[in-house]
Amino acid sequence: MRRAYQWLFPHPLLTLLMAAVWILLQNEFSAGMAVFGLILGILIPRLTAQFWPDRPVQFHAGRMLSYMVVVIWDILVANVQVAWIVLTRPNSKLRPAWVVVPLDLRQPEAITILAGTITLTPGTVSADLSDEGHSLLVHALDAPDPDAVRDEIKHRYERRLKEIFA
């Protein structure tokens, strides 16, 4: 039964997400749109499953929801902080820095989520991933202590992603 379930739904969360996006794109909800969205949500992941050979085996969706809450909160706080910096400090008082963040993560999906999180948070941008995938280069708009930026990324985001993709 488990193999049949995995064959039909290789990415169950992606199936639901695609169905929801289809309904939102249609800008109206009807039973036909919901059924067609589910059909697309089943067929597209099934047809592309062969291109995802190393998908994560264990993924904790509940922890991912709490991670999303943390990220949204951090984005809101960082927006206010960056606005304050831009409005109150002259450019000469900014302390930009390049920060190398060593990674404990090894799954490409987790590293991608971490890099995206850093880039989505105002004031930081992930600029490069080392060839081996062992470190991430991050630019911070104002970082008087680059080590603190590195430690915050590792503690606030990477630690949680390691739990999600355990």
C-alpha atoms as a PDB file:
ATOM      1  CA  MET A   1       0.000   0.000   0.000  1.00  0.00           C
ATOM      2  CA  ARG A   2       2.853   2.371   0.875  1.00  0.00           C
ATOM      3  CA  ARG A   3       4.481   1.916  -2.560  1.00  0.00           C
ATOM      4  CA  ALA A   4       1.164   2.586  -4.324  1.00  0.00           C
ATOM      5  CA  TYR A   5       0.706   5.745  -2.261  1.00  0.00           C
ATOM      6  CA  GLN A   6       4.241   6.924  -3.086  1.00  0.00           C
ATOM      7  CA  TRP A   7       3.736   6.115  -6.764  1.00  0.00           C
ATOM      8  CA  LEU A   8       0.495   8.109  -6.956  1.00  0.00           C
ATOM      9  CA  PHE A   9       1.613  10.938  -4.661  1.00  0.00           C
ATOM     10  CA  PRO A  10       5.431  11.239  -4.883  1.00  0.00           C
ATOM     11  CA  HIS A  11       5.165  14.747  -3.389  1.00  0.00           C
ATOM     12  CA  PRO A  12       1.899  14.971  -1.404  1.00  0.00           C
ATOM     13  CA  LEU A  13       2.455  18.516  -0.120  1.00  0.00           C
ATOM     14  CA  LEU A  14       3.352  19.677  -3.622  1.00  0.00           C
ATOM     15  CA  THR A  15       0.146  18.073  -4.895  1.00  0.00           C
ATOM     16  CA  LEU A  16      -1.944  20.085  -2.432  1.00  0.00           C
ATOM     17  CA  LEU A  17       0.031  23.254  -3.095  1.00  0.00           C
ATOM     18  CA  MET A  18      -0.394  22.944  -6.861  1.00  0.00           C
ATOM     19  CA  ALA A  19      -4.120  22.358  -6.498  1.00  0.00           C
ATOM     20  CA  ALA A  20      -4.453  25.432  -4.269  1.00  0.00           C
ATOM     21  CA  VAL A  21      -2.380  27.578  -6.638  1.00  0.00           C
ATOM     22  CA  TRP A  22      -4.489  26.447  -9.592  1.00  0.00           C
ATOM     23  CA  ILE A  23      -7.680  27.470  -7.789  1.00  0.00           C
ATOM     24  CA  LEU A  24      -6.148  30.833  -6.839  1.00  0.00           C
ATOM     25  CA  LEU A  25      -5.007  31.445 -10.425  1.00  0.00           C
ATOM     26  CA  GLN A  26      -8.531  30.854 -11.686  1.00  0.00           C
ATOM     27  CA  ASN A  27      -9.801  33.526  -9.289  1.00  0.00           C
ATOM     28  CA  GLU A  28     -12.972  31.585  -8.570  1.00  0.00           C
ATOM     29  CA  PHE A  29     -13.750  28.444  -6.664  1.00  0.00           C
ATOM     30  CA  SER A  30     -15.903  25.725  -8.127  1.00  0.00           C
ATOM     31  CA  ALA A  31     -15.983  21.962  -7.802  1.00  0.00           C
ATOM     32  CA  GLY A  32     -14.697  21.578 -11.348  1.00  0.00           C
ATOM     33  CA  MET A  33     -11.725  23.860 -10.694  1.00  0.00           C
ATOM     34  CA  ALA A  34     -10.906  21.978  -7.484  1.00  0.00           C
ATOM     35  CA  VAL A  35     -11.034  18.592  -9.244  1.00  0.00           C
ATOM     36  CA  PHE A  36      -8.939  19.856 -12.157  1.00  0.00           C
ATOM     37  CA  GLY A  37      -6.454  21.393  -9.701  1.00  0.00           C
ATOM     38  CA  LEU A  38      -6.145  18.038  -7.919  1.00  0.00           C
ATOM     39  CA  ILE A  39      -5.660  16.259 -11.242  1.00  0.00           C
ATOM     40  CA  LEU A  40      -2.849  18.676 -12.116  1.00  0.00           C
ATOM     41  CA  GLY A  41      -1.477  18.326  -8.606  1.00  0.00           C
ATOM     42  CA  ILE A  42      -1.305  14.546  -9.034  1.00  0.00           C
ATOM     43  CA  LEU A  43      -0.096  14.392 -12.645  1.00  0.00           C
ATOM     44  CA  ILE A  44       2.659  17.020 -12.650  1.00  0.00           C
ATOM     45  CA  PRO A  45       4.555  15.685  -9.595  1.00  0.00           C
ATOM     46  CA  ARG A  46       4.059  12.121 -10.865  1.00  0.00           C
ATOM     47  CA  LEU A  47       5.430  12.969 -14.311  1.00  0.00           C
ATOM     48  CA  THR A  48       8.384  14.871 -12.866  1.00  0.00           C
ATOM     49  CA  ALA A  49       9.186  12.404 -10.032  1.00  0.00           C
ATOM     50  CA  GLN A  50      12.041  10.859 -12.008  1.00  0.00           C
ATOM     51  CA  PHE A  51      13.826  14.210 -11.946  1.00  0.00           C
ATOM     52  CA  TRP A  52      13.725  14.261  -8.118  1.00  0.00           C
ATOM     53  CA  PRO A  53      15.717  11.131  -7.234  1.00  0.00           C
ATOM     54  CA  ASP A  54      17.193  12.517  -3.999  1.00  0.00           C
ATOM     55  CA  ARG A  55      14.096  14.042  -2.487  1.00  0.00           C
ATOM     56  CA  PRO A  56      14.125  14.161   1.306  1.00  0.00           C
ATOM     57  CA  VAL A  57      12.881  10.958   2.873  1.00  0.00           C
ATOM     58  CA  GLN A  58      11.821  12.531   6.154  1.00  0.00           C
ATOM     59  CA  PHE A  59      10.276  15.966   6.219  1.00  0.00           C
ATOM     60  CA  HIS A  60       8.575  17.394   9.298  1.00  0.00           C
ATOM     61  CA  ALA A  61       5.736  19.598   8.026  1.00  0.00           C
ATOM     62  CA  GLY A  62       4.782  20.844  11.506  1.00  0.00           C
ATOM     63  CA  ARG A  63       8.283  22.098  12.132  1.00  0.00           C
ATOM     64  CA  MET A  64       8.269  23.709   8.699  1.00  0.00           C
ATOM     65  CA  LEU A  65       5.160  25.682   9.665  1.00  0.00           C
ATOM     66  CA  SER A  66       6.863  26.979  12.802  1.00  0.00           C
ATOM     67  CA  TYR A  67       9.946  27.820  10.688  1.00  0.00           C
ATOM     68  CA  MET A  68       7.734  29.805   8.310  1.00  0.00           C
ATOM     69  CA  VAL A  69       6.298  31.776  11.248  1.00  0.00           C
ATOM     70  CA  VAL A  70       9.821  32.596  12.460  1.00  0.00           C
ATOM     71  CA  VAL A  71      10.883  33.682   8.954  1.00  0.00           C
ATOM     72  CA  ILE A  72       7.806  35.869   8.420  1.00  0.00           C
ATOM     73  CA  TRP A  73       8.376  37.515  11.799  1.00  0.00           C
ATOM     74  CA  ASP A  74      12.048  38.085  10.997  1.00  0.00           C
ATOM     75  CA  ILE A  75      11.151  39.611   7.624  1.00  0.00           C
ATOM     76  CA  LEU A  76       8.756  42.046   9.303  1.00  0.00           C
ATOM     77  CA  VAL A  77      11.289  43.026  11.967  1.00  0.00           C
ATOM     78  CA  ALA A  78      14.114  43.352   9.419  1.00  0.00           C
ATOM     79  CA  ASN A  79      11.956  45.614   7.222  1.00  0.00           C
ATOM     80  CA  VAL A  80      11.561  48.031  10.117  1.00  0.00           C
ATOM     81  CA  GLN A  81      15.256  47.815  11.009  1.00  0.00           C
ATOM     82  CA  VAL A  82      16.429  48.432   7.436  1.00  0.00           C
ATOM     83  CA  ALA A  83      13.991  51.323   7.014  1.00  0.00           C
ATOM     84  CA  TRP A  84      15.322  52.851  10.241  1.00  0.00           C
ATOM     85  CA  ILE A  85      18.929  52.416   9.084  1.00  0.00           C
ATOM     86  CA  VAL A  86      18.222  53.977   5.694  1.00  0.00           C
ATOM     87  CA  LEU A  87      16.313  56.905   7.142  1.00  0.00           C
ATOM     88  CA  THR A  88      18.556  57.753  10.086  1.00  0.00           C
ATOM     89  CA  ARG A  89      22.138  56.823   9.165  1.00  0.00           C
ATOM     90  CA  PRO A  90      24.323  58.378   6.531  1.00  0.00           C
ATOM     91  CA  ASN A  91      26.044  55.920   4.195  1.00  0.00           C
ATOM     92  CA  SER A  92      29.384  56.617   5.830  1.00  0.00           C
ATOM     93  CA  LYS A  93      28.172  55.073   9.102  1.00  0.00           C
ATOM     94  CA  LEU A  94      26.976  51.799   7.565  1.00  0.00           C
ATOM     95  CA  ARG A  95      29.118  48.771   8.333  1.00  0.00           C
ATOM     96  CA  PRO A  96      28.494  46.295   5.511  1.00  0.00           C
ATOM     97  CA  ALA A  97      30.229  42.939   5.741  1.00  0.00           C
ATOM     98  CA  TRP A  98      30.738  39.700   3.876  1.00  0.00           C
ATOM     99  CA  VAL A  99      30.070  36.763   6.175  1.00  0.00           C
ATOM    100  CA  VAL A 100      31.028  33.148   5.496  1.00  0.00           C
ATOM    101  CA  VAL A 101      28.518  30.788   7.085  1.00  0.00           C
ATOM    102  CA  PRO A 102      29.828  27.210   7.422  1.00  0.00           C
ATOM    103  CA  LEU A 103      27.005  24.773   6.746  1.00  0.00           C
ATOM    104  CA  ASP A 104      26.087  21.626   8.618  1.00  0.00           C
ATOM    105  CA  LEU A 105      23.223  21.057   6.182  1.00  0.00           C
ATOM    106  CA  ARG A 106      23.865  18.664   3.290  1.00  0.00           C
ATOM    107  CA  GLN A 107      20.464  18.315   1.581  1.00  0.00           C
ATOM    108  CA  PRO A 108      20.220  20.639  -1.448  1.00  0.00           C
ATOM    109  CA  GLU A 109      16.598  21.468  -0.616  1.00  0.00           C
ATOM    110  CA  ALA A 110      17.504  22.577   2.903  1.00  0.00           C
ATOM    111  CA  ILE A 111      20.439  24.665   1.664  1.00  0.00           C
ATOM    112  CA  THR A 112      18.173  26.281  -0.936  1.00  0.00           C
ATOM    113  CA  ILE A 113      15.589  27.151   1.721  1.00  0.00           C
ATOM    114  CA  LEU A 114      18.327  28.612   3.949  1.00  0.00           C
ATOM    115  CA  ALA A 115      19.754  30.731   1.105  1.00  0.00           C
ATOM    116  CA  GLY A 116      16.254  31.890   0.155  1.00  0.00           C
ATOM    117  CA  THR A 117      15.446  32.765   3.757  1.00  0.00           C
ATOM    118  CA  ILE A 118      18.590  34.865   4.053  1.00  0.00           C
ATOM    119  CA  THR A 119      17.830  36.663   0.786  1.00  0.00           C
ATOM    120  CA  LEU A 120      14.185  37.276   1.704  1.00  0.00           C
ATOM    121  CA  THR A 121      15.188  38.895   4.971  1.00  0.00           C
ATOM    122  CA  PRO A 122      15.913  42.586   4.294  1.00  0.00           C
ATOM    123  CA  GLY A 123      19.466  43.624   5.040  1.00  0.00           C
ATOM    124  CA  THR A 124      21.042  40.310   4.034  1.00  0.00           C
ATOM    125  CA  VAL A 125      21.549  38.478   0.775  1.00  0.00           C
ATOM    126  CA  SER A 126      23.104  35.090   0.092  1.00  0.00           C
ATOM    127  CA  ALA A 127      25.655  35.633  -2.634  1.00  0.00           C
ATOM    128  CA  ASP A 128      27.434  32.323  -3.212  1.00  0.00           C
ATOM    129  CA  LEU A 129      27.559  28.682  -2.203  1.00  0.00           C
ATOM    130  CA  SER A 130      30.937  26.957  -2.063  1.00  0.00           C
ATOM    131  CA  ASP A 131      31.592  24.280  -4.675  1.00  0.00           C
ATOM    132  CA  GLU A 132      31.326  21.513  -2.100  1.00  0.00           C
ATOM    133  CA  GLY A 133      28.234  23.063  -0.497  1.00  0.00           C
ATOM    134  CA  HIS A 134      29.977  23.456   2.854  1.00  0.00           C
ATOM    135  CA  SER A 135      29.666  27.222   3.237  1.00  0.00           C
ATOM    136  CA  LEU A 136      27.446  30.079   2.180  1.00  0.00           C
ATOM    137  CA  LEU A 137      28.669  33.615   1.472  1.00  0.00           C
ATOM    138  CA  VAL A 138      26.270  36.240   2.850  1.00  0.00           C
ATOM    139  CA  HIS A 139      26.350  40.007   2.499  1.00  0.00           C
ATOM    140  CA  ALA A 140      24.955  41.994   5.420  1.00  0.00           C
ATOM    141  CA  LEU A 141      23.969  45.652   5.009  1.00  0.00           C
ATOM    142  CA  ASP A 142      24.989  46.656   8.515  1.00  0.00           C
ATOM    143  CA  ALA A 143      27.032  44.204  10.562  1.00  0.00           C
ATOM    144  CA  PRO A 144      29.221  45.662  13.297  1.00  0.00           C
ATOM    145  CA  ASP A 145      29.945  42.064  14.369  1.00  0.00           C
ATOM    146  CA  PRO A 146      30.015  39.646  11.388  1.00  0.00           C
ATOM    147  CA  ASP A 147      30.488  36.684  13.740  1.00  0.00           C
ATOM    148  CA  ALA A 148      27.183  37.528  15.417  1.00  0.00           C
ATOM    149  CA  VAL A 149      25.462  37.538  12.018  1.00  0.00           C
ATOM    150  CA  ARG A 150      26.936  34.108  11.260  1.00  0.00           C
ATOM    151  CA  ASP A 151      25.925  32.734  14.660  1.00  0.00           C
ATOM    152  CA  GLU A 152      22.392  34.101  14.338  1.00  0.00           C
ATOM    153  CA  ILE A 153      21.934  32.483  10.906  1.00  0.00           C
ATOM    154  CA  LYS A 154      23.203  29.161  12.200  1.00  0.00           C
ATOM    155  CA  HIS A 155      21.114  29.274  15.373  1.00  0.00           C
ATOM    156  CA  ARG A 156      17.922  30.850  14.075  1.00  0.00           C
ATOM    157  CA  TYR A 157      17.617  29.181  10.665  1.00  0.00           C
ATOM    158  CA  GLU A 158      20.065  26.342  10.050  1.00  0.00           C
ATOM    159  CA  ARG A 159      19.336  24.607  13.355  1.00  0.00           C
ATOM    160  CA  ARG A 160      15.618  24.575  12.577  1.00  0.00           C
ATOM    161  CA  LEU A 161      16.199  23.347   9.016  1.00  0.00           C
ATOM    162  CA  LYS A 162      18.319  20.479  10.337  1.00  0.00           C
ATOM    163  CA  GLU A 163      15.328  19.444  12.467  1.00  0.00           C
ATOM    164  CA  ILE A 164      12.920  19.760   9.528  1.00  0.00           C
ATOM    165  CA  PHE A 165      15.071  17.663   7.201  1.00  0.00           C
ATOM    166  CA  ALA A 166      16.248  15.177   9.860  1.00  0.00           C
END
